[in-house]
């Protein structure tokens, strides 16, 4: 309740300053989230290639052990 009362009592200049601050903060967090997603996708893509490349030889070794 106190937060709402404080927000209601802000002057237009203070509201503009708060909006700019929040906009900068959300822009930064969106950008860092996008970078994290891109890095994760690249790592997942590379891991997929490595697993696919290793699956043939590993399967051969396991079949040799079991026979």
PDB file of N, CA and C in Angstrom:
ATOM      1  N   UNK A   1       0.827  -1.187   0.000  1.00  0.00           N
ATOM      2  CA  UNK A   1       0.000   0.000   0.000  1.00  0.00           C
ATOM      3  C   UNK A   1       0.875   1.256   0.000  1.00  0.00           C
ATOM      4  N   UNK A   2       1.954   1.233   0.781  1.00  0.00           N
ATOM      5  CA  UNK A   2       2.848   2.392   0.831  1.00  0.00           C
ATOM      6  C   UNK A   2       3.505   2.641  -0.521  1.00  0.00           C
ATOM      7  N   UNK A   3       3.884   1.573  -1.194  1.00  0.00           N
ATOM      8  CA  UNK A   3       4.509   1.715  -2.510  1.00  0.00           C
ATOM      9  C   UNK A   3       3.556   2.377  -3.491  1.00  0.00           C
ATOM     10  N   UNK A   4       2.307   1.984  -3.461  1.00  0.00           N
ATOM     11  CA  UNK A   4       1.325   2.572  -4.375  1.00  0.00           C
ATOM     12  C   UNK A   4       1.101   4.041  -4.067  1.00  0.00           C
ATOM     13  N   UNK A   5       1.082   4.382  -2.794  1.00  0.00           N
ATOM     14  CA  UNK A   5       0.905   5.787  -2.416  1.00  0.00           C
ATOM     15  C   UNK A   5       2.103   6.622  -2.850  1.00  0.00           C
ATOM     16  N   UNK A   6       3.323   6.059  -2.694  1.00  0.00           N
ATOM     17  CA  UNK A   6       4.515   6.785  -3.136  1.00  0.00           C
ATOM     18  C   UNK A   6       4.526   6.969  -4.644  1.00  0.00           C
ATOM     19  N   UNK A   7       4.109   5.930  -5.381  1.00  0.00           N
ATOM     20  CA  UNK A   7       4.066   6.053  -6.838  1.00  0.00           C
ATOM     21  C   UNK A   7       3.030   7.086  -7.270  1.00  0.00           C
ATOM     22  N   UNK A   8       1.915   7.136  -6.568  1.00  0.00           N
ATOM     23  CA  UNK A   8       0.868   8.100  -6.917  1.00  0.00           C
ATOM     24  C   UNK A   8       1.307   9.533  -6.643  1.00  0.00           C
ATOM     25  N   UNK A   9       2.224   9.734  -5.704  1.00  0.00           N
ATOM     26  CA  UNK A   9       2.627  11.096  -5.345  1.00  0.00           C
ATOM     27  C   UNK A   9       3.831  11.590  -6.150  1.00  0.00           C
ATOM     28  N   UNK A  10       4.311  10.813  -7.114  1.00  0.00           N
ATOM     29  CA  UNK A  10       5.463  11.241  -7.917  1.00  0.00           C
ATOM     30  C   UNK A  10       5.077  12.372  -8.859  1.00  0.00           C
ATOM     31  N   UNK A  11       6.028  13.266  -9.082  1.00  0.00           N
ATOM     32  CA  UNK A  11       5.823  14.345 -10.046  1.00  0.00           C
ATOM     33  C   UNK A  11       6.039  13.789 -11.453  1.00  0.00           C
ATOM     34  N   UNK A  12       5.543  14.498 -12.476  1.00  0.00           N
ATOM     35  CA  UNK A  12       5.750  14.014 -13.849  1.00  0.00           C
ATOM     36  C   UNK A  12       7.221  13.837 -14.209  1.00  0.00           C
ATOM     37  N   UNK A  13       8.089  14.693 -13.697  1.00  0.00           N
ATOM     38  CA  UNK A  13       9.524  14.549 -13.961  1.00  0.00           C
ATOM     39  C   UNK A  13      10.084  13.286 -13.330  1.00  0.00           C
ATOM     40  N   UNK A  14       9.627  12.995 -12.138  1.00  0.00           N
ATOM     41  CA  UNK A  14      10.069  11.781 -11.452  1.00  0.00           C
ATOM     42  C   UNK A  14       9.545  10.528 -12.164  1.00  0.00           C
ATOM     43  N   UNK A  15       8.327  10.615 -12.673  1.00  0.00           N
ATOM     44  CA  UNK A  15       7.749   9.486 -13.415  1.00  0.00           C
ATOM     45  C   UNK A  15       8.566   9.226 -14.675  1.00  0.00           C
ATOM     46  N   UNK A  16       8.940  10.290 -15.382  1.00  0.00           N
ATOM     47  CA  UNK A  16       9.757  10.134 -16.585  1.00  0.00           C
ATOM     48  C   UNK A  16      11.120   9.510 -16.255  1.00  0.00           C
ATOM     49  N   UNK A  17      11.735   9.967 -15.166  1.00  0.00           N
ATOM     50  CA  UNK A  17      13.034   9.427 -14.762  1.00  0.00           C
ATOM     51  C   UNK A  17      12.903   7.956 -14.384  1.00  0.00           C
ATOM     52  N   UNK A  18      11.848   7.599 -13.688  1.00  0.00           N
ATOM     53  CA  UNK A  18      11.622   6.202 -13.312  1.00  0.00           C
ATOM     54  C   UNK A  18      11.390   5.338 -14.547  1.00  0.00           C
ATOM     55  N   UNK A  19      10.621   5.854 -15.501  1.00  0.00           N
ATOM     56  CA  UNK A  19      10.382   5.106 -16.743  1.00  0.00           C
ATOM     57  C   UNK A  19      11.674   4.871 -17.518  1.00  0.00           C
ATOM     58  N   UNK A  20      12.539   5.882 -17.590  1.00  0.00           N
ATOM     59  CA  UNK A  20      13.812   5.725 -18.289  1.00  0.00           C
ATOM     60  C   UNK A  20      14.689   4.692 -17.596  1.00  0.00           C
ATOM     61  N   UNK A  21      14.724   4.743 -16.273  1.00  0.00           N
ATOM     62  CA  UNK A  21      15.526   3.791 -15.509  1.00  0.00           C
ATOM     63  C   UNK A  21      15.033   2.360 -15.727  1.00  0.00           C
ATOM     64  N   UNK A  22      13.725   2.162 -15.638  1.00  0.00           N
ATOM     65  CA  UNK A  22      13.166   0.819 -15.831  1.00  0.00           C
ATOM     66  C   UNK A  22      13.365   0.324 -17.261  1.00  0.00           C
ATOM     67  N   UNK A  23      13.243   1.218 -18.224  1.00  0.00           N
ATOM     68  CA  UNK A  23      13.432   0.841 -19.622  1.00  0.00           C
ATOM     69  C   UNK A  23      14.876   0.381 -19.856  1.00  0.00           C
ATOM     70  N   UNK A  24      15.845   1.111 -19.279  1.00  0.00           N
ATOM     71  CA  UNK A  24      17.250   0.712 -19.420  1.00  0.00           C
ATOM     72  C   UNK A  24      17.511  -0.637 -18.754  1.00  0.00           C
ATOM     73  N   UNK A  25      16.924  -0.824 -17.586  1.00  0.00           N
ATOM     74  CA  UNK A  25      17.139  -2.072 -16.859  1.00  0.00           C
ATOM     75  C   UNK A  25      16.551  -3.261 -17.631  1.00  0.00           C
ATOM     76  N   UNK A  26      15.340  -3.118 -18.155  1.00  0.00           N
ATOM     77  CA  UNK A  26      14.721  -4.219 -18.890  1.00  0.00           C
ATOM     78  C   UNK A  26      15.407  -4.471 -20.221  1.00  0.00           C
ATOM     79  N   UNK A  27      15.914  -3.424 -20.862  1.00  0.00           N
ATOM     80  CA  UNK A  27      16.639  -3.605 -22.116  1.00  0.00           C
ATOM     81  C   UNK A  27      17.909  -4.403 -21.871  1.00  0.00           C
ATOM     82  N   UNK A  28      18.613  -4.098 -20.797  1.00  0.00           N
ATOM     83  CA  UNK A  28      19.831  -4.831 -20.459  1.00  0.00           C
ATOM     84  C   UNK A  28      19.554  -6.283 -20.133  1.00  0.00           C
ATOM     85  N   UNK A  29      18.479  -6.535 -19.400  1.00  0.00           N
ATOM     86  CA  UNK A  29      18.170  -7.922 -19.041  1.00  0.00           C
ATOM     87  C   UNK A  29      17.694  -8.708 -20.258  1.00  0.00           C
ATOM     88  N   UNK A  30      16.972  -8.062 -21.160  1.00  0.00           N
ATOM     89  CA  UNK A  30      16.557  -8.764 -22.384  1.00  0.00           C
ATOM     90  C   UNK A  30      17.758  -9.118 -23.235  1.00  0.00           C
ATOM     91  N   UNK A  31      18.703  -8.184 -23.337  1.00  0.00           N
ATOM     92  CA  UNK A  31      19.897  -8.413 -24.142  1.00  0.00           C
ATOM     93  C   UNK A  31      20.730  -9.549 -23.558  1.00  0.00           C
ATOM     94  N   UNK A  32      20.913  -9.552 -22.241  1.00  0.00           N
ATOM     95  CA  UNK A  32      21.706 -10.623 -21.628  1.00  0.00           C
ATOM     96  C   UNK A  32      20.986 -11.960 -21.740  1.00  0.00           C
ATOM     97  N   UNK A  33      19.662 -11.961 -21.662  1.00  0.00           N
ATOM     98  CA  UNK A  33      18.901 -13.198 -21.852  1.00  0.00           C
ATOM     99  C   UNK A  33      19.039 -13.730 -23.258  1.00  0.00           C
ATOM    100  N   UNK A  34      19.041 -12.840 -24.231  1.00  0.00           N
ATOM    101  CA  UNK A  34      19.208 -13.259 -25.628  1.00  0.00           C
ATOM    102  C   UNK A  34      20.599 -13.842 -25.844  1.00  0.00           C
ATOM    103  N   UNK A  35      21.604 -13.215 -25.265  1.00  0.00           N
ATOM    104  CA  UNK A  35      22.980 -13.719 -25.407  1.00  0.00           C
ATOM    105  C   UNK A  35      23.093 -15.100 -24.776  1.00  0.00           C
ATOM    106  N   UNK A  36      22.495 -15.295 -23.610  1.00  0.00           N
ATOM    107  CA  UNK A  36      22.523 -16.605 -22.966  1.00  0.00           C
ATOM    108  C   UNK A  36      21.838 -17.664 -23.825  1.00  0.00           C
ATOM    109  N   UNK A  37      20.723 -17.323 -24.435  1.00  0.00           N
ATOM    110  CA  UNK A  37      20.015 -18.276 -25.292  1.00  0.00           C
ATOM    111  C   UNK A  37      20.850 -18.644 -26.510  1.00  0.00           C
ATOM    112  N   UNK A  38      21.497 -17.673 -27.122  1.00  0.00           N
ATOM    113  CA  UNK A  38      22.322 -17.941 -28.300  1.00  0.00           C
ATOM    114  C   UNK A  38      23.502 -18.835 -27.925  1.00  0.00           C
ATOM    115  N   UNK A  39      24.162 -18.540 -26.803  1.00  0.00           N
ATOM    116  CA  UNK A  39      25.291 -19.364 -26.362  1.00  0.00           C
ATOM    117  C   UNK A  39      24.821 -20.785 -26.074  1.00  0.00           C
ATOM    118  N   UNK A  40      23.682 -20.936 -25.406  1.00  0.00           N
ATOM    119  CA  UNK A  40      23.156 -22.260 -25.113  1.00  0.00           C
ATOM    120  C   UNK A  40      22.834 -23.020 -26.398  1.00  0.00           C
ATOM    121  N   UNK A  41      22.237 -22.366 -27.378  1.00  0.00           N
ATOM    122  CA  UNK A  41      21.913 -23.031 -28.647  1.00  0.00           C
ATOM    123  C   UNK A  41      23.169 -23.479 -29.387  1.00  0.00           C
ATOM    124  N   UNK A  42      24.202 -22.649 -29.369  1.00  0.00           N
ATOM    125  CA  UNK A  42      25.462 -23.027 -30.027  1.00  0.00           C
ATOM    126  C   UNK A  42      26.084 -24.232 -29.329  1.00  0.00           C
ATOM    127  N   UNK A  43      26.101 -24.207 -27.989  1.00  0.00           N
ATOM    128  CA  UNK A  43      26.670 -25.333 -27.250  1.00  0.00           C
ATOM    129  C   UNK A  43      25.861 -26.610 -27.468  1.00  0.00           C
ATOM    130  N   UNK A  44      24.539 -26.498 -27.494  1.00  0.00           N
ATOM    131  CA  UNK A  44      23.697 -27.676 -27.731  1.00  0.00           C
ATOM    132  C   UNK A  44      23.934 -28.224 -29.135  1.00  0.00           C
ATOM    133  N   UNK A  45      24.091 -27.354 -30.106  1.00  0.00           N
ATOM    134  CA  UNK A  45      24.351 -27.768 -31.482  1.00  0.00           C
ATOM    135  C   UNK A  45      25.687 -28.508 -31.571  1.00  0.00           C
ATOM    136  N   UNK A  46      26.723 -27.945 -30.953  1.00  0.00           N
ATOM    137  CA  UNK A  46      28.035 -28.589 -30.964  1.00  0.00           C
ATOM    138  C   UNK A  46      28.014 -29.915 -30.203  1.00  0.00           C
ATOM    139  N   UNK A  47      27.333 -29.962 -29.084  1.00  0.00           N
ATOM    140  CA  UNK A  47      27.217 -31.200 -28.317  1.00  0.00           C
ATOM    141  C   UNK A  47      26.489 -32.265 -29.127  1.00  0.00           C
ATOM    142  N   UNK A  48      25.494 -31.877 -29.893  1.00  0.00           N
ATOM    143  CA  UNK A  48      24.797 -32.822 -30.765  1.00  0.00           C
ATOM    144  C   UNK A  48      25.737 -33.425 -31.788  1.00  0.00           C
ATOM    145  N   UNK A  49      26.598 -32.620 -32.383  1.00  0.00           N
ATOM    146  CA  UNK A  49      27.573 -33.146 -33.338  1.00  0.00           C
ATOM    147  C   UNK A  49      28.559 -34.103 -32.677  1.00  0.00           C
ATOM    148  N   UNK A  50      29.027 -33.741 -31.491  1.00  0.00           N
ATOM    149  CA  UNK A  50      29.992 -34.597 -30.787  1.00  0.00           C
ATOM    150  C   UNK A  50      29.358 -35.925 -30.414  1.00  0.00           C
ATOM    151  N   UNK A  51      28.155 -35.901 -29.889  1.00  0.00           N
ATOM    152  CA  UNK A  51      27.468 -37.138 -29.513  1.00  0.00           C
ATOM    153  C   UNK A  51      27.203 -37.984 -30.743  1.00  0.00           C
ATOM    154  N   UNK A  52      26.788 -37.380 -31.826  1.00  0.00           N
ATOM    155  CA  UNK A  52      26.524 -38.121 -33.055  1.00  0.00           C
ATOM    156  C   UNK A  52      27.818 -38.732 -33.605  1.00  0.00           C
ATOM    157  N   UNK A  53      28.910 -38.002 -33.522  1.00  0.00           N
ATOM    158  CA  UNK A  53      30.193 -38.487 -34.021  1.00  0.00           C
ATOM    159  C   UNK A  53      30.712 -39.639 -33.161  1.00  0.00           C
ATOM    160  N   UNK A  54      30.506 -39.564 -31.841  1.00  0.00           N
ATOM    161  CA  UNK A  54      31.010 -40.591 -30.939  1.00  0.00           C
ATOM    162  C   UNK A  54      30.090 -41.809 -30.834  1.00  0.00           C
ATOM    163  N   UNK A  55      28.852 -41.684 -31.221  1.00  0.00           N
ATOM    164  CA  UNK A  55      27.904 -42.775 -31.002  1.00  0.00           C
ATOM    165  C   UNK A  55      28.280 -44.031 -31.793  1.00  0.00           C
ATOM    166  N   UNK A  56      28.785 -43.888 -33.000  1.00  0.00           N
ATOM    167  CA  UNK A  56      29.169 -45.053 -33.801  1.00  0.00           C
ATOM    168  C   UNK A  56      30.299 -45.847 -33.173  1.00  0.00           C
ATOM    169  N   UNK A  57      31.432 -45.229 -32.882  1.00  0.00           N
ATOM    170  CA  UNK A  57      32.529 -45.971 -32.247  1.00  0.00           C
ATOM    171  C   UNK A  57      32.171 -46.535 -30.869  1.00  0.00           C
ATOM    172  N   UNK A  58      31.445 -45.778 -30.070  1.00  0.00           N
ATOM    173  CA  UNK A  58      31.078 -46.263 -28.735  1.00  0.00           C
ATOM    174  C   UNK A  58      30.136 -47.456 -28.856  1.00  0.00           C
ATOM    175  N   UNK A  59      29.192 -47.397 -29.765  1.00  0.00           N
ATOM    176  CA  UNK A  59      28.282 -48.524 -29.973  1.00  0.00           C
ATOM    177  C   UNK A  59      29.057 -49.763 -30.410  1.00  0.00           C
ATOM    178  N   UNK A  60      30.050 -49.578 -31.251  1.00  0.00           N
ATOM    179  CA  UNK A  60      30.886 -50.700 -31.677  1.00  0.00           C
ATOM    180  C   UNK A  60      31.642 -51.315 -30.512  1.00  0.00           C
ATOM    181  N   UNK A  61      32.182 -50.489 -29.641  1.00  0.00           N
ATOM    182  CA  UNK A  61      32.909 -50.985 -28.470  1.00  0.00           C
ATOM    183  C   UNK A  61      31.969 -51.748 -27.539  1.00  0.00           C
ATOM    184  N   UNK A  62      30.790 -51.199 -27.296  1.00  0.00           N
ATOM    185  CA  UNK A  62      29.824 -51.859 -26.409  1.00  0.00           C
ATOM    186  C   UNK A  62      29.386 -53.189 -27.007  1.00  0.00           C
ATOM    187  N   UNK A  63      29.135 -53.245 -28.291  1.00  0.00           N
ATOM    188  CA  UNK A  63      28.737 -54.502 -28.928  1.00  0.00           C
ATOM    189  C   UNK A  63      29.876 -55.522 -28.857  1.00  0.00           C
ATOM    190  N   UNK A  64      31.102 -55.071 -29.000  1.00  0.00           N
ATOM    191  CA  UNK A  64      32.241 -55.982 -28.903  1.00  0.00           C
ATOM    192  C   UNK A  64      32.361 -56.568 -27.509  1.00  0.00           C
ATOM    193  N   UNK A  65      32.126 -55.725 -26.467  1.00  0.00           N
ATOM    194  CA  UNK A  65      32.191 -56.195 -25.079  1.00  0.00           C
ATOM    195  C   UNK A  65      31.085 -57.202 -24.790  1.00  0.00           C
ATOM    196  N   UNK A  66      29.908 -56.971 -25.358  1.00  0.00           N
ATOM    197  CA  UNK A  66      28.768 -57.836 -25.039  1.00  0.00           C
ATOM    198  C   UNK A  66      28.778 -59.145 -25.825  1.00  0.00           C
ATOM    199  N   UNK A  67      29.577 -59.231 -26.862  1.00  0.00           N
ATOM    200  CA  UNK A  67      29.572 -60.470 -27.652  1.00  0.00           C
ATOM    201  C   UNK A  67      30.657 -61.434 -27.248  1.00  0.00           C
TER     202      UNK A  67
END
